[in-house]
């Protein structure tokens, strides 16, 4: 009892969910401290979970700081709700009747296979839905808010202004309803710093710029004067909201997902003029197939981090001081070497490099050493062939020694995924993720090589890797991390330390780009860590995440 609350709070942040709940039941003192963490982040993905938790949600103090919402009202005419099987109310579930081809009514099976994971099977009646919205707007301390896989409320634009502390806003896999008389709301006064708009569905055409149409109005969120990080895709083309008379805020990071059009990629109308109005942009991520961008030499003067397809790398690098470079798709070796030579002076200051080559070539390491003398981190992914054991052992004394600042090397083979089996898989495919590039929920803004405590730490399958580390010790004294297999990484603390193998996350993505502050990572973690757990199974609270405080999980 003599320890102050300021010491107990950081201790409780390390507790697993069950332990945190036990702490809250221990004493009034512990309850007052730990309750701040218990409901700090909430997920409401099913109307049934909200019905069960409604009474306790009303008494949450302090108010949650992060919320993911995925509950829709039942509207028969909305395509995203066509697979709903029941309407949930405070009184229970009512099956949804549908007309069959012979005009006979039937009910959908609760166990029917859902073709689209963002089409909910349970929806809320209007009484329950209005209660939910009232509850959400009472969380005035929200800093992160995610709408995912739902119909946005009709008063969505008014709702986001009810949170004075809101900094991160995401709308993903959502349908925007048509509102006959939309309110005229000025979003420039919003204090959001991060905005994500992905897979936006609406009845209007995606290329229609009529301000009365719902998808077009959603773009206006990007006019918030404090916005610094913007992520969007081809379903909404947010850049169309900006003109010469109404420029964008001073963005520092931009992430754009283009459509999958490998045969004839096109630059969307207005995209290049938009880029040329971003003098403070430092990080640019372009996904899927993007052609060369004809930018003026004075455009993007602050750009230092690029993640893009090979076709766009030369035009983006030319005349700019690039520090971090990621080539997202497969690069043929001959064009790759020519590109390195063409922009050699612009790439000489690159410190972090990541690329994918289909066929391994030992000459690749010579080209990298010649063109990137200041590398600190290197990642090479390949599919066919690979360096021999002698090549790997000699890599330190033959090539890597010429990179005096090198601290991290990741060279490993990746399996290519099977081709899509149906139209839905093709439509949802991020083409560049097939080459090991991060997906839209796995950006380089977060560390991808955290230790997995549940993984097997046996080293029997990888005894040879220690020989590689020892062979590189003298040539590369600054080296701290080596990865030669997708699931394992060798680390040491300093030149006098021994190399120790540790399992890393099963993902094949490198930690090429720096991690942002914790609050900026939180939104991505919320979206990523709940994909498989919290769709329509009744989960109300967050699955634990490495960057999130422990949360109690209640299953209905």
Protein backbone atom coordinates (compact mmCIF):
# COMPACT_ATOMS: atom_id res chain seq x y z
CA UNK A 1 0.00 0.00 0.00
CA UNK A 2 3.02 2.29 0.29
CA UNK A 3 3.78 2.19 -3.45
CA UNK A 4 2.23 5.09 -5.40
CA UNK A 5 -0.23 4.53 -8.23
CA UNK A 6 2.36 5.83 -10.71
CA UNK A 7 4.39 2.67 -10.08
CA UNK A 8 1.49 0.20 -10.06
CA UNK A 9 0.12 1.40 -13.40
CA UNK A 10 3.16 0.46 -15.56
CA UNK A 11 3.37 -2.86 -13.69
CA UNK A 12 -0.25 -3.70 -14.50
CA UNK A 13 0.34 -2.86 -18.18
CA UNK A 14 2.43 -6.05 -18.49
CA UNK A 15 -0.23 -8.39 -17.11
CA UNK A 16 -2.12 -10.88 -19.30
CA UNK A 17 -5.91 -10.38 -19.48
CA UNK A 18 -6.90 -12.96 -16.87
CA UNK A 19 -4.38 -11.64 -14.37
CA UNK A 20 -5.56 -8.08 -14.93
CA UNK A 21 -9.12 -9.12 -14.14
CA UNK A 22 -7.92 -10.81 -10.94
CA UNK A 23 -6.05 -7.68 -9.94
CA UNK A 24 -9.20 -5.58 -10.30
CA UNK A 25 -11.03 -7.92 -7.90
CA UNK A 26 -8.23 -7.82 -5.31
CA UNK A 27 -8.75 -4.50 -3.56
CA UNK A 28 -10.26 -1.06 -4.00
CA UNK A 29 -6.81 0.45 -4.52
CA UNK A 30 -5.90 -2.00 -7.28
CA UNK A 31 -9.36 -1.64 -8.81
CA UNK A 32 -8.99 2.12 -9.08
CA UNK A 33 -5.66 1.76 -10.89
CA UNK A 34 -6.17 -1.30 -13.10
CA UNK A 35 -9.65 -0.35 -14.33
CA UNK A 36 -7.93 2.33 -16.41
CA UNK A 37 -6.37 -0.44 -18.51
CA UNK A 38 -9.21 -2.95 -18.61
CA UNK A 39 -11.39 -1.11 -21.10
CA UNK A 40 -8.79 1.16 -22.65
CA UNK A 41 -9.37 -0.46 -26.05
CA UNK A 42 -12.72 -1.94 -27.08
CA UNK A 43 -13.94 -4.02 -29.99
CA UNK A 44 -17.63 -4.33 -30.79
CA UNK A 45 -18.11 -6.59 -33.80
CA UNK A 46 -21.39 -8.37 -33.09
CA UNK A 47 -24.78 -7.08 -31.92
CA UNK A 48 -25.04 -10.02 -29.50
CA UNK A 49 -21.89 -8.98 -27.71
CA UNK A 50 -23.18 -5.44 -27.37
CA UNK A 51 -26.46 -6.65 -25.89
CA UNK A 52 -24.58 -8.63 -23.22
CA UNK A 53 -22.11 -5.85 -22.43
CA UNK A 54 -24.47 -2.88 -22.65
CA UNK A 55 -24.98 -2.46 -18.91
CA UNK A 56 -21.26 -2.62 -18.12
CA UNK A 57 -20.25 -0.34 -21.00
CA UNK A 58 -22.36 2.46 -19.56
CA UNK A 59 -20.32 2.47 -16.37
CA UNK A 60 -16.82 2.34 -17.89
CA UNK A 61 -14.55 4.90 -16.26
CA UNK A 62 -12.35 6.27 -17.58
CA UNK A 63 -13.68 6.33 -21.11
CA UNK A 64 -11.96 4.03 -23.69
CA UNK A 65 -9.19 5.45 -25.84
CA UNK A 66 -9.61 3.13 -28.85
CA UNK A 67 -12.67 1.52 -30.44
CA UNK A 68 -13.25 -0.81 -33.37
CA UNK A 69 -16.88 -0.95 -34.48
CA UNK A 70 -18.40 -3.49 -36.90
CA UNK A 71 -22.16 -3.49 -36.18
CA UNK A 72 -24.72 -2.56 -38.84
CA UNK A 73 -28.47 -1.99 -38.83
CA UNK A 74 -30.54 -4.20 -41.10
CA UNK A 75 -31.22 -2.60 -44.48
CA UNK A 76 -32.48 -5.00 -47.18
CA UNK A 77 -31.29 -2.91 -50.12
CA UNK A 78 -27.63 -2.78 -49.11
CA UNK A 79 -25.52 -5.38 -50.90
CA UNK A 80 -23.08 -5.79 -48.01
CA UNK A 81 -25.92 -7.11 -45.83
CA UNK A 82 -27.29 -9.67 -48.28
CA UNK A 83 -25.83 -12.57 -46.32
CA UNK A 84 -27.20 -11.52 -42.92
CA UNK A 85 -29.20 -14.35 -41.32
CA UNK A 86 -30.76 -12.73 -38.24
CA UNK A 87 -31.67 -9.40 -36.68
CA UNK A 88 -30.57 -8.94 -33.07
CA UNK A 89 -32.60 -6.94 -30.57
CA UNK A 90 -32.57 -6.59 -26.79
CA UNK A 91 -35.24 -9.33 -26.79
CA UNK A 92 -33.26 -11.89 -28.81
CA UNK A 93 -32.66 -12.97 -32.43
CA UNK A 94 -35.17 -12.92 -35.24
CA UNK A 95 -34.33 -14.90 -38.43
CA UNK A 96 -34.34 -12.97 -41.70
CA UNK A 97 -36.76 -14.30 -44.30
CA UNK A 98 -35.86 -14.27 -47.97
CA UNK A 99 -37.89 -14.92 -51.11
CA UNK A 100 -36.81 -17.94 -53.13
CA UNK A 101 -37.17 -18.30 -56.89
CA UNK A 102 -40.66 -19.81 -56.56
CA UNK A 103 -41.79 -16.89 -54.34
CA UNK A 104 -41.78 -19.06 -51.24
CA UNK A 105 -40.19 -17.59 -48.12
CA UNK A 106 -37.35 -19.27 -46.27
CA UNK A 107 -34.77 -18.35 -43.66
CA UNK A 108 -31.02 -18.25 -44.19
CA UNK A 109 -29.00 -20.79 -42.28
CA UNK A 110 -26.89 -19.42 -39.47
CA UNK A 111 -24.13 -21.78 -40.60
CA UNK A 112 -24.16 -20.79 -44.27
CA UNK A 113 -20.73 -20.14 -45.72
CA UNK A 114 -19.99 -16.42 -45.91
CA UNK A 115 -18.45 -15.53 -49.27
CA UNK A 116 -17.22 -12.13 -48.12
CA UNK A 117 -15.76 -11.97 -44.60
CA UNK A 118 -16.90 -8.35 -44.37
CA UNK A 119 -20.55 -9.25 -44.90
CA UNK A 120 -21.93 -9.67 -41.37
CA UNK A 121 -24.23 -12.57 -40.52
CA UNK A 122 -25.88 -10.73 -37.61
CA UNK A 123 -27.31 -7.21 -37.78
CA UNK A 124 -28.99 -4.97 -35.23
CA UNK A 125 -32.55 -3.71 -35.13
CA UNK A 126 -33.00 0.06 -35.04
CA UNK A 127 -33.57 0.30 -31.29
CA UNK A 128 -30.40 -1.62 -30.55
CA UNK A 129 -28.48 0.27 -33.23
CA UNK A 130 -29.51 3.71 -31.95
CA UNK A 131 -28.54 2.66 -28.42
CA UNK A 132 -25.17 1.57 -29.75
CA UNK A 133 -24.53 4.91 -31.45
CA UNK A 134 -25.49 6.77 -28.28
CA UNK A 135 -23.06 4.61 -26.34
CA UNK A 136 -20.27 5.22 -28.85
CA UNK A 137 -20.69 9.00 -28.85
CA UNK A 138 -20.45 8.96 -25.04
CA UNK A 139 -16.81 7.79 -25.32
CA UNK A 140 -15.52 11.33 -25.60
CA UNK A 141 -11.92 10.36 -24.81
CA UNK A 142 -11.48 8.27 -27.97
CA UNK A 143 -8.14 8.77 -29.72
CA UNK A 144 -8.40 5.92 -32.24
CA UNK A 145 -11.60 4.93 -34.01
CA UNK A 146 -12.04 2.18 -36.62
CA UNK A 147 -15.21 1.48 -38.62
CA UNK A 148 -14.78 -1.92 -40.29
CA UNK A 149 -17.05 -4.18 -42.34
CA UNK A 150 -20.29 -2.27 -41.69
CA UNK A 151 -22.70 0.32 -43.02
CA UNK A 152 -21.57 3.73 -41.85
CA UNK A 153 -24.14 5.62 -39.77
CA UNK A 154 -26.16 8.21 -41.65
CA UNK A 155 -24.77 10.89 -39.34
CA UNK A 156 -21.20 9.59 -39.62
CA UNK A 157 -19.70 12.98 -40.43
CA UNK A 158 -21.31 14.51 -37.36
CA UNK A 159 -20.22 11.61 -35.14
CA UNK A 160 -16.50 11.99 -35.84
CA UNK A 161 -16.73 15.60 -34.68
CA UNK A 162 -18.03 14.45 -31.29
CA UNK A 163 -14.57 13.24 -30.24
CA UNK A 164 -12.33 16.20 -29.41
CA UNK A 165 -9.29 13.97 -28.78
CA UNK A 166 -9.62 11.83 -31.94
CA UNK A 167 -6.28 11.47 -33.71
CA UNK A 168 -6.50 8.23 -35.75
CA UNK A 169 -9.54 7.45 -37.92
CA UNK A 170 -10.02 4.44 -40.19
CA UNK A 171 -12.91 3.37 -42.42
CA UNK A 172 -12.23 -0.03 -44.01
CA UNK A 173 -14.50 -2.45 -45.93
CA UNK A 174 -17.53 -0.25 -45.27
CA UNK A 175 -20.61 0.82 -47.24
CA UNK A 176 -21.39 4.53 -47.27
CA UNK A 177 -25.18 5.10 -47.23
CA UNK A 178 -26.90 7.69 -49.38
CA UNK A 179 -28.19 10.67 -47.40
CA UNK A 180 -30.77 12.84 -49.14
CA UNK A 181 -29.84 16.07 -47.36
CA UNK A 182 -26.25 15.69 -46.15
CA UNK A 183 -25.18 18.29 -43.59
CA UNK A 184 -22.60 20.85 -44.63
CA UNK A 185 -19.76 20.03 -42.22
CA UNK A 186 -16.28 21.53 -42.40
CA UNK A 187 -13.71 18.81 -41.75
CA UNK A 188 -10.72 21.16 -41.77
CA UNK A 189 -11.22 21.69 -38.05
CA UNK A 190 -10.82 17.95 -37.28
CA UNK A 191 -7.70 17.18 -35.23
CA UNK A 192 -6.99 13.78 -36.80
CA UNK A 193 -3.39 13.02 -37.71
CA UNK A 194 -3.86 9.61 -39.39
CA UNK A 195 -6.63 8.71 -41.86
CA UNK A 196 -7.22 5.33 -43.52
CA UNK A 197 -9.93 4.81 -46.19
CA UNK A 198 -9.93 1.35 -47.81
CA UNK A 199 -12.46 -0.73 -49.76
CA UNK A 200 -15.20 1.89 -49.60
CA UNK A 201 -18.48 0.57 -51.02
CA UNK A 202 -21.37 2.68 -52.24
CA UNK A 203 -24.20 2.67 -54.75
CA UNK A 204 -22.68 5.62 -56.64
CA UNK A 205 -19.88 5.37 -59.17
CA UNK A 206 -16.38 5.53 -57.72
CA UNK A 207 -15.23 8.15 -60.26
CA UNK A 208 -18.13 10.53 -59.66
CA UNK A 209 -17.01 13.80 -58.01
CA UNK A 210 -20.48 15.08 -57.14
CA UNK A 211 -20.21 16.42 -53.58
CA UNK A 212 -23.73 15.16 -52.85
CA UNK A 213 -22.66 11.56 -53.30
CA UNK A 214 -21.56 9.69 -50.16
CA UNK A 215 -18.23 8.34 -51.35
CA UNK A 216 -17.17 11.76 -52.58
CA UNK A 217 -18.06 13.35 -49.27
CA UNK A 218 -15.95 10.78 -47.44
CA UNK A 219 -12.88 12.11 -49.23
CA UNK A 220 -13.34 15.45 -47.51
CA UNK A 221 -12.10 13.94 -44.24
CA UNK A 222 -8.61 14.28 -45.71
CA UNK A 223 -8.93 18.07 -45.56
CA UNK A 224 -8.27 18.02 -41.81
CA UNK A 225 -5.54 20.60 -41.30
CA UNK A 226 -3.61 18.40 -38.84
CA UNK A 227 -3.51 15.31 -41.08
CA UNK A 228 0.00 13.89 -41.54
CA UNK A 229 -0.46 10.22 -42.59
CA UNK A 230 -2.96 9.27 -45.31
CA UNK A 231 -3.80 5.76 -46.58
CA UNK A 232 -6.38 5.11 -49.32
CA UNK A 233 -7.09 2.87 -52.30
CA UNK A 234 -8.64 2.92 -55.76
CA UNK A 235 -12.21 2.62 -54.44
CA UNK A 236 -12.15 6.24 -53.30
CA UNK A 237 -9.11 8.08 -54.81
CA UNK A 238 -8.89 10.62 -52.00
CA UNK A 239 -6.51 12.88 -53.92
CA UNK A 240 -9.45 14.08 -56.03
CA UNK A 241 -10.62 16.11 -53.05
CA UNK A 242 -7.69 18.48 -53.51
CA UNK A 243 -7.29 21.23 -56.08
CA UNK A 244 -4.90 24.09 -56.64
CA UNK A 245 -7.27 26.36 -54.74
CA UNK A 246 -7.81 23.76 -51.99
CA UNK A 247 -4.49 21.94 -51.47
CA UNK A 248 -3.89 19.04 -49.13
CA UNK A 249 -2.55 19.43 -45.59
CA UNK A 250 1.24 18.99 -45.12
CA UNK A 251 1.39 15.19 -45.31
CA UNK A 252 4.53 13.38 -44.19
CA UNK A 253 3.46 9.80 -45.14
CA UNK A 254 1.26 8.60 -48.01
CA UNK A 255 0.17 5.00 -48.71
CA UNK A 256 -1.87 4.37 -51.90
CA UNK A 257 -3.21 1.02 -53.11
CA UNK A 258 -3.68 0.91 -56.89
CA UNK A 259 -5.93 -1.61 -58.68
CA UNK A 260 -4.54 -4.89 -59.95
CA UNK A 261 -3.91 -4.05 -63.61
CA UNK A 262 -0.63 -5.67 -64.53
CA UNK A 263 -1.15 -5.50 -68.30
CA UNK A 264 -2.11 -1.81 -68.48
CA UNK A 265 -1.47 0.08 -65.26
CA UNK A 266 -2.57 3.68 -65.40
CA UNK A 267 -1.93 6.74 -63.28
CA UNK A 268 -5.28 8.03 -61.97
CA UNK A 269 -6.37 11.49 -63.03
CA UNK A 270 -4.92 14.18 -60.80
CA UNK A 271 -2.50 11.92 -58.91
CA UNK A 272 0.73 13.44 -60.21
CA UNK A 273 -0.42 17.06 -59.59
CA UNK A 274 -1.40 15.91 -56.10
CA UNK A 275 2.09 14.52 -55.42
CA UNK A 276 3.65 17.75 -56.63
CA UNK A 277 1.80 19.68 -53.92
CA UNK A 278 3.39 17.66 -51.08
CA UNK A 279 6.67 19.38 -50.22
CA UNK A 280 6.81 17.82 -46.73
CA UNK A 281 6.17 14.19 -47.79
CA UNK A 282 8.90 11.90 -46.44
CA UNK A 283 7.45 8.37 -46.90
CA UNK A 284 5.63 7.16 -50.03
CA UNK A 285 4.15 3.65 -50.41
CA UNK A 286 2.55 2.65 -53.73
CA UNK A 287 0.92 -0.79 -53.89
CA UNK A 288 0.19 -3.12 -56.82
CA UNK A 289 1.05 -2.10 -60.38
CA UNK A 290 2.11 1.50 -60.87
CA UNK A 291 3.74 2.84 -64.05
CA UNK A 292 6.59 5.34 -64.11
CA UNK A 293 5.50 8.69 -62.69
CA UNK A 294 6.51 11.79 -64.66
CA UNK A 295 7.21 14.11 -61.75
CA UNK A 296 8.84 17.50 -62.07
CA UNK A 297 12.42 17.69 -60.69
CA UNK A 298 11.27 19.99 -57.88
CA UNK A 299 8.47 17.68 -56.69
CA UNK A 300 8.71 15.82 -53.36
CA UNK A 301 11.89 17.55 -52.13
CA UNK A 302 11.68 15.94 -48.67
CA UNK A 303 11.05 12.37 -49.90
CA UNK A 304 13.47 9.93 -48.26
CA UNK A 305 11.57 6.60 -47.98
CA UNK A 306 10.04 4.77 -50.97
CA UNK A 307 8.14 1.48 -51.17
CA UNK A 308 6.88 0.94 -54.72
CA UNK A 309 6.88 -1.43 -57.72
CA UNK A 310 10.07 -1.61 -59.75
CA UNK A 311 8.52 0.33 -62.67
CA UNK A 312 8.14 3.44 -60.52
CA UNK A 313 11.43 3.31 -58.60
CA UNK A 314 13.62 5.13 -61.11
CA UNK A 315 11.25 8.04 -61.65
CA UNK A 316 10.68 8.45 -57.91
CA UNK A 317 14.37 8.20 -56.95
CA UNK A 318 15.76 10.49 -59.60
CA UNK A 319 16.97 13.77 -58.12
CA UNK A 320 15.99 12.88 -54.53
CA UNK A 321 18.00 11.82 -51.50
CA UNK A 322 16.51 8.42 -50.75
CA UNK A 323 17.45 6.78 -47.46
CA UNK A 324 15.02 3.82 -47.40
CA UNK A 325 14.10 1.87 -50.54
CA UNK A 326 11.78 -1.09 -50.98
CA UNK A 327 11.08 -2.67 -54.38
CA UNK A 328 7.75 -4.39 -53.80
CA UNK A 329 7.37 -6.64 -56.86
CA UNK A 330 9.65 -9.03 -58.75
CA UNK A 331 12.59 -7.30 -60.36
CA UNK A 332 14.34 -8.99 -63.29
CA UNK A 333 18.08 -8.87 -62.71
CA UNK A 334 19.23 -7.19 -65.93
CA UNK A 335 16.76 -4.26 -65.72
CA UNK A 336 17.50 -4.03 -61.99
CA UNK A 337 21.23 -3.60 -62.57
CA UNK A 338 20.54 -0.96 -65.24
CA UNK A 339 18.22 0.92 -62.88
CA UNK A 340 20.85 0.89 -60.13
CA UNK A 341 23.38 2.35 -62.55
CA UNK A 342 20.95 4.99 -63.90
CA UNK A 343 20.21 6.50 -60.49
CA UNK A 344 23.47 5.59 -58.76
CA UNK A 345 24.13 9.09 -57.45
CA UNK A 346 20.62 9.34 -56.01
CA UNK A 347 20.78 5.96 -54.27
CA UNK A 348 24.26 6.19 -52.81
CA UNK A 349 22.86 7.41 -49.48
CA UNK A 350 20.33 4.57 -49.11
CA UNK A 351 20.63 3.00 -45.66
CA UNK A 352 17.81 0.43 -45.78
CA UNK A 353 17.15 -1.69 -48.88
CA UNK A 354 14.56 -4.40 -49.48
CA UNK A 355 13.86 -6.16 -52.78
CA UNK A 356 12.50 -9.35 -54.34
CA UNK A 357 14.21 -11.24 -57.16
CA UNK A 358 12.68 -14.33 -58.70
CA UNK A 359 15.99 -16.03 -59.52
CA UNK A 360 18.98 -15.79 -57.22
CA UNK A 361 22.21 -14.48 -58.76
CA UNK A 362 25.51 -14.24 -56.85
CA UNK A 363 26.29 -11.09 -58.85
CA UNK A 364 23.43 -9.37 -57.04
CA UNK A 365 25.51 -8.89 -53.90
CA UNK A 366 28.31 -7.26 -55.92
CA UNK A 367 25.82 -4.83 -57.48
CA UNK A 368 24.34 -3.94 -54.09
CA UNK A 369 27.75 -3.30 -52.53
CA UNK A 370 28.79 -1.15 -55.49
CA UNK A 371 25.69 1.05 -55.52
CA UNK A 372 24.69 1.17 -51.83
CA UNK A 373 27.85 1.76 -49.78
CA UNK A 374 25.99 3.22 -46.77
CA UNK A 375 23.61 0.32 -46.11
CA UNK A 376 22.68 -0.47 -42.52
CA UNK A 377 19.83 -2.92 -43.28
CA UNK A 378 19.47 -5.28 -46.23
CA UNK A 379 16.69 -7.69 -47.14
CA UNK A 380 16.64 -9.90 -50.26
CA UNK A 381 13.76 -12.31 -50.97
CA UNK A 382 14.00 -14.87 -53.76
CA UNK A 383 12.05 -17.89 -55.06
CA UNK A 384 14.26 -19.95 -57.32
CA UNK A 385 17.85 -21.03 -56.84
CA UNK A 386 19.73 -19.54 -53.92
CA UNK A 387 23.26 -19.00 -52.67
CA UNK A 388 25.35 -22.10 -51.98
CA UNK A 389 26.74 -22.80 -48.52
CA UNK A 390 30.21 -21.73 -49.66
CA UNK A 391 28.77 -18.50 -51.07
CA UNK A 392 27.03 -17.69 -47.80
CA UNK A 393 30.10 -18.46 -45.67
CA UNK A 394 32.29 -16.34 -47.94
CA UNK A 395 29.79 -13.52 -48.25
CA UNK A 396 31.26 -11.66 -45.28
CA UNK A 397 34.85 -11.52 -46.54
CA UNK A 398 33.94 -11.10 -50.23
CA UNK A 399 31.11 -8.56 -50.26
CA UNK A 400 29.57 -7.58 -46.93
CA UNK A 401 32.89 -6.35 -45.53
CA UNK A 402 32.55 -3.36 -47.90
CA UNK A 403 29.47 -2.18 -46.00
CA UNK A 404 30.95 -0.82 -42.75
CA UNK A 405 27.61 0.38 -41.35
CA UNK A 406 25.71 -2.87 -41.90
CA UNK A 407 23.82 -4.13 -38.82
CA UNK A 408 21.04 -6.31 -40.30
CA UNK A 409 21.01 -8.85 -43.17
CA UNK A 410 17.93 -10.84 -44.25
CA UNK A 411 18.46 -13.15 -47.25
CA UNK A 412 15.91 -15.94 -47.61
CA UNK A 413 13.69 -17.89 -49.98
CA UNK A 414 9.91 -17.38 -49.98
CA UNK A 415 7.16 -19.58 -51.45
CA UNK A 416 4.87 -17.94 -53.98
CA UNK A 417 1.16 -18.35 -53.16
CA UNK A 418 -1.14 -20.47 -55.27
CA UNK A 419 -3.00 -18.62 -58.04
CA UNK A 420 -6.52 -17.42 -57.10
CA UNK A 421 -9.21 -20.05 -57.53
CA UNK A 422 -12.17 -17.75 -58.16
CA UNK A 423 -13.14 -14.20 -59.04
CA UNK A 424 -13.53 -13.15 -55.41
CA UNK A 425 -9.96 -14.18 -54.59
CA UNK A 426 -8.71 -12.36 -57.67
CA UNK A 427 -10.63 -9.21 -56.77
CA UNK A 428 -9.28 -9.15 -53.22
CA UNK A 429 -5.68 -9.91 -54.18
CA UNK A 430 -2.92 -7.45 -53.44
CA UNK A 431 -0.62 -8.39 -56.28
CA UNK A 432 2.60 -7.22 -54.69
CA UNK A 433 2.01 -9.19 -51.49
CA UNK A 434 2.67 -12.34 -53.53
CA UNK A 435 6.32 -11.24 -53.64
CA UNK A 436 6.69 -10.85 -49.90
CA UNK A 437 5.85 -7.15 -49.75
CA UNK A 438 3.72 -6.10 -46.78
CA UNK A 439 -0.04 -6.01 -47.21
CA UNK A 440 -2.21 -3.04 -46.43
CA UNK A 441 -2.49 -4.12 -42.78
CA UNK A 442 1.21 -4.99 -42.45
CA UNK A 443 3.02 -1.80 -43.36
CA UNK A 444 6.66 -1.10 -42.79
CA UNK A 445 5.62 1.38 -40.10
CA UNK A 446 5.76 -1.45 -37.55
CA UNK A 447 8.31 -4.07 -36.58
CA UNK A 448 7.75 -7.38 -38.36
CA UNK A 449 10.29 -9.47 -36.48
CA UNK A 450 9.02 -9.55 -32.91
CA UNK A 451 9.82 -12.70 -30.99
CA UNK A 452 7.02 -15.23 -30.84
CA UNK A 453 7.10 -16.71 -27.31
CA UNK A 454 4.97 -19.69 -28.31
CA UNK A 455 7.24 -20.87 -31.10
CA UNK A 456 9.57 -23.84 -30.78
CA UNK A 457 13.10 -22.67 -29.99
CA UNK A 458 14.82 -25.88 -31.11
CA UNK A 459 17.85 -25.23 -33.32
CA UNK A 460 18.33 -28.76 -34.63
CA UNK A 461 17.14 -27.86 -38.13
CA UNK A 462 19.47 -24.88 -38.43
CA UNK A 463 22.84 -25.84 -37.04
CA UNK A 464 24.71 -24.48 -40.04
CA UNK A 465 23.62 -20.90 -39.54
CA UNK A 466 25.98 -20.46 -36.57
CA UNK A 467 28.90 -21.20 -38.91
CA UNK A 468 27.76 -18.35 -41.16
CA UNK A 469 27.67 -15.93 -38.24
CA UNK A 470 31.14 -16.96 -37.04
CA UNK A 471 32.49 -16.65 -40.58
CA UNK A 472 31.16 -13.09 -40.83
CA UNK A 473 32.32 -11.92 -37.38
CA UNK A 474 35.69 -10.50 -38.38
CA UNK A 475 34.53 -9.06 -41.71
CA UNK A 476 31.32 -7.53 -40.30
CA UNK A 477 31.91 -6.56 -36.65
CA UNK A 478 28.87 -4.29 -36.57
CA UNK A 479 26.44 -7.00 -37.68
CA UNK A 480 23.70 -7.69 -35.12
CA UNK A 481 20.95 -9.56 -37.00
CA UNK A 482 21.12 -12.29 -39.67
CA UNK A 483 18.17 -14.11 -41.22
CA UNK A 484 18.59 -16.96 -43.70
CA UNK A 485 15.20 -18.65 -43.21
CA UNK A 486 11.68 -17.14 -43.17
CA UNK A 487 10.89 -18.13 -39.59
CA UNK A 488 14.25 -17.80 -37.81
CA UNK A 489 16.66 -14.96 -37.12
CA UNK A 490 20.12 -14.97 -35.53
CA UNK A 491 20.96 -12.09 -33.18
CA UNK A 492 23.76 -10.84 -30.97
CA UNK A 493 24.03 -7.78 -28.73
CA UNK A 494 27.60 -6.70 -29.58
CA UNK A 495 30.77 -8.02 -31.27
CA UNK A 496 31.77 -9.96 -28.13
CA UNK A 497 28.37 -11.66 -27.82
CA UNK A 498 27.50 -15.12 -29.17
CA UNK A 499 25.03 -15.59 -32.01
CA UNK A 500 21.70 -16.97 -30.76
CA UNK A 501 18.84 -18.17 -32.97
CA UNK A 502 15.37 -16.93 -32.16
CA UNK A 503 12.03 -17.64 -33.85
CA UNK A 504 10.53 -14.60 -35.52
CA UNK A 505 6.97 -14.11 -36.66
CA UNK A 506 5.92 -16.36 -39.51
CA UNK A 507 5.52 -13.32 -41.75
CA UNK A 508 8.17 -12.76 -44.39
CA UNK A 509 8.24 -9.00 -44.20
CA UNK A 510 11.32 -7.07 -43.11
CA UNK A 511 11.48 -4.24 -40.64
CA UNK A 512 12.80 -1.94 -43.35
CA UNK A 513 10.99 1.21 -42.36
CA UNK A 514 11.07 2.66 -38.88
CA UNK A 515 8.26 2.15 -36.42
CA UNK A 516 6.23 5.27 -35.63
CA UNK A 517 5.19 6.32 -32.14
CA UNK A 518 3.04 3.78 -30.28
CA UNK A 519 -0.22 5.62 -30.93
CA UNK A 520 0.39 5.51 -34.68
CA UNK A 521 0.98 1.74 -34.58
CA UNK A 522 -2.12 1.11 -32.49
CA UNK A 523 -4.59 1.65 -35.30
CA UNK A 524 -2.82 -0.83 -37.57
CA UNK A 525 -2.59 -3.38 -34.76
CA UNK A 526 -6.29 -3.05 -33.96
CA UNK A 527 -7.25 -3.77 -37.57
CA UNK A 528 -4.71 -6.56 -38.04
CA UNK A 529 -5.07 -8.47 -34.77
CA UNK A 530 -8.84 -8.90 -34.91
CA UNK A 531 -9.36 -10.15 -38.46
CA UNK A 532 -9.82 -13.79 -37.48
CA UNK A 533 -11.21 -13.45 -33.95
CA UNK A 534 -13.87 -10.81 -33.93
CA UNK A 535 -16.08 -11.00 -37.00
CA UNK A 536 -19.41 -12.46 -35.94
CA UNK A 537 -18.40 -14.85 -33.18
CA UNK A 538 -19.47 -12.67 -30.29
CA UNK A 539 -16.10 -11.33 -29.17
CA UNK A 540 -16.40 -8.01 -27.41
CA UNK A 541 -12.85 -7.19 -26.42
CA UNK A 542 -9.42 -7.08 -27.96
CA UNK A 543 -7.18 -10.04 -28.53
CA UNK A 544 -3.90 -9.12 -26.76
CA UNK A 545 -1.36 -7.36 -28.96
CA UNK A 546 2.28 -6.56 -28.32
CA UNK A 547 1.62 -2.83 -28.55
CA UNK A 548 -1.70 -2.85 -26.72
CA UNK A 549 -2.50 -2.91 -23.05
CA UNK A 550 -3.95 -6.23 -21.78
CA UNK A 551 -7.71 -6.49 -22.22
CA UNK A 552 -10.23 -8.90 -20.80
CA UNK A 553 -11.79 -11.17 -23.42
CA UNK A 554 -15.42 -12.12 -23.00
CA UNK A 555 -16.93 -14.69 -25.32
CA UNK A 556 -20.69 -14.83 -25.68
